[in-house]
Amino acid sequence: MTGQQSELTVVTKAKELCAYVMTVTQKSPKHFRFTFVTRLQNTTLDIIQSIYRANAVMLNGERDHCAKRLDFQHQALTDLKLLSYFAMLSMEQGCILPKQFEQIARLTTDCQRLTGAWINSDKRRIPATG
């Protein structure tokens, strides 16, 4: 590499999810703009925010740092679950197409899996104290 660290896979996948949601919701019927569209877009941004915040917390073995990072990771997981529900409801109401819902569901599942693996990796890296 040329001095630049590669991005976490979960960050890359969350960005892909966000970009996809932003693209498909631009084509949604206007009467959904202030309900489903806003909610879908904001939730994807919240997911990226939580992932970035979790990644910014250095794991140095201190319990407070570990708990803070875990909290951000869990926020991301919760928002991913909410996004799945919002996307399903959006499809049912005709805001997005079934194919679009399927792609959002696939990307969301990937992000959930990667975030879960990240949490498990952190647990293995940090020895249990107490």
Protein backbone atom coordinates (compact mmCIF):
# COMPACT_ATOMS: atom_id res chain seq x y z
CA MET A 1 0.00 0.00 0.00
CA THR A 2 1.03 3.58 -0.48
CA GLY A 3 0.83 4.69 3.13
CA GLN A 4 -2.97 4.71 3.27
CA GLN A 5 -4.81 2.11 5.33
CA SER A 6 -7.56 0.23 3.56
CA GLU A 7 -11.06 0.82 4.81
CA LEU A 8 -12.87 -1.70 6.99
CA THR A 9 -15.04 -3.97 4.85
CA VAL A 10 -18.09 -3.01 6.92
CA VAL A 11 -17.46 0.68 6.13
CA THR A 12 -17.21 -0.05 2.41
CA LYS A 13 -20.40 -2.13 2.48
CA ALA A 14 -22.29 0.50 4.52
CA LYS A 15 -21.27 3.16 2.00
CA GLU A 16 -22.52 0.93 -0.81
CA LEU A 17 -25.82 0.51 1.03
CA CYS A 18 -26.14 4.26 1.57
CA ALA A 19 -25.34 5.08 -2.04
CA TYR A 20 -27.89 2.54 -3.26
CA VAL A 21 -30.63 3.85 -0.95
CA MET A 22 -29.91 7.44 -2.00
CA THR A 23 -30.11 6.48 -5.69
CA VAL A 24 -33.33 4.46 -5.55
CA THR A 25 -35.19 6.85 -3.28
CA GLN A 26 -34.56 9.75 -5.68
CA LYS A 27 -36.94 7.99 -8.04
CA SER A 28 -39.60 7.35 -5.39
CA PRO A 29 -43.00 9.04 -5.77
CA LYS A 30 -42.92 12.58 -4.38
CA HIS A 31 -45.68 11.93 -1.85
CA PHE A 32 -43.28 9.61 0.03
CA ARG A 33 -40.52 12.26 0.25
CA PHE A 34 -41.17 13.29 3.88
CA THR A 35 -41.98 9.84 5.20
CA PHE A 36 -40.21 6.82 3.75
CA VAL A 37 -37.57 8.60 1.67
CA THR A 38 -36.32 10.75 4.53
CA ARG A 39 -36.40 7.84 6.96
CA LEU A 40 -34.53 5.47 4.65
CA GLN A 41 -31.87 8.04 3.79
CA ASN A 42 -31.33 9.26 7.35
CA THR A 43 -31.12 5.72 8.71
CA THR A 44 -28.39 4.78 6.25
CA LEU A 45 -26.45 7.90 7.24
CA ASP A 46 -26.92 6.99 10.92
CA ILE A 47 -25.52 3.52 10.21
CA ILE A 48 -22.37 4.96 8.64
CA GLN A 49 -22.04 7.44 11.49
CA SER A 50 -22.22 4.71 14.14
CA ILE A 51 -19.68 2.56 12.28
CA TYR A 52 -17.25 5.47 11.94
CA ARG A 53 -17.70 6.40 15.60
CA ALA A 54 -17.09 2.79 16.68
CA ASN A 55 -13.98 2.60 14.56
CA ALA A 56 -12.66 5.86 16.03
CA VAL A 57 -12.70 4.43 19.57
CA MET A 58 -9.29 2.95 20.26
CA LEU A 59 -9.30 -0.38 22.01
CA ASN A 60 -6.54 -0.12 24.56
CA GLY A 61 -7.95 -2.60 27.05
CA GLU A 62 -9.81 0.01 29.08
CA ARG A 63 -13.30 -1.12 29.92
CA ASP A 64 -14.85 2.30 29.15
CA HIS A 65 -13.38 2.34 25.66
CA CYS A 66 -14.54 -1.19 24.94
CA ALA A 67 -18.05 -0.42 26.16
CA LYS A 68 -18.21 2.79 24.12
CA ARG A 69 -17.12 1.02 20.95
CA LEU A 70 -19.56 -1.82 21.55
CA ASP A 71 -22.36 0.70 22.08
CA PHE A 72 -21.70 2.30 18.68
CA GLN A 73 -21.52 -1.13 17.04
CA HIS A 74 -24.86 -2.06 18.60
CA GLN A 75 -26.38 1.25 17.45
CA ALA A 76 -25.34 0.34 13.91
CA LEU A 77 -26.93 -3.12 14.27
CA THR A 78 -30.17 -1.63 15.59
CA ASP A 79 -30.31 0.90 12.76
CA LEU A 80 -29.70 -1.90 10.25
CA LYS A 81 -32.70 -3.79 11.65
CA LEU A 82 -34.80 -0.62 11.48
CA LEU A 83 -33.68 -0.01 7.90
CA SER A 84 -34.79 -3.52 6.95
CA TYR A 85 -38.24 -2.84 8.36
CA PHE A 86 -38.51 0.62 6.77
CA ALA A 87 -37.47 -0.83 3.40
CA MET A 88 -40.06 -3.62 3.65
CA LEU A 89 -42.79 -1.15 4.56
CA SER A 90 -41.65 1.18 1.77
CA MET A 91 -41.98 -1.66 -0.73
CA GLU A 92 -45.41 -2.63 0.57
CA GLN A 93 -46.59 0.99 0.18
CA GLY A 94 -45.14 1.37 -3.33
CA CYS A 95 -42.30 3.74 -2.44
CA ILE A 96 -39.63 1.36 -3.75
CA LEU A 97 -39.80 -1.62 -6.10
CA PRO A 98 -39.54 -5.24 -4.90
CA LYS A 99 -36.17 -5.62 -6.66
CA GLN A 100 -34.91 -2.52 -4.85
CA PHE A 101 -36.12 -3.92 -1.54
CA GLU A 102 -34.30 -7.19 -2.24
CA GLN A 103 -31.04 -5.34 -2.92
CA ILE A 104 -31.42 -3.22 0.23
CA ALA A 105 -32.15 -6.39 2.23
CA ARG A 106 -29.07 -8.11 0.79
CA LEU A 107 -26.79 -5.16 1.56
CA THR A 108 -28.30 -4.74 5.02
CA THR A 109 -27.73 -8.42 5.80
CA ASP A 110 -24.12 -8.11 4.66
CA CYS A 111 -23.60 -5.11 6.96
CA GLN A 112 -25.22 -6.93 9.89
CA ARG A 113 -23.00 -9.96 9.34
CA LEU A 114 -19.85 -7.84 9.05
CA THR A 115 -20.72 -5.78 12.15
CA GLY A 116 -21.37 -8.96 14.11
CA ALA A 117 -18.03 -10.39 12.99
CA TRP A 118 -16.35 -7.11 13.99
CA ILE A 119 -17.88 -7.33 17.48
CA ASN A 120 -16.72 -10.94 17.83
CA SER A 121 -13.23 -9.99 16.64
CA ASP A 122 -13.07 -7.23 19.25
CA LYS A 123 -14.15 -9.67 21.97
CA ARG A 124 -11.30 -12.02 21.02
CA ARG A 125 -8.77 -9.14 20.99
CA ILE A 126 -9.70 -7.76 24.39
CA PRO A 127 -9.11 -10.10 27.33
CA ALA A 128 -12.00 -10.37 29.76
CA THR A 129 -11.39 -8.51 32.99
CA GLY A 130 -13.05 -8.80 36.29
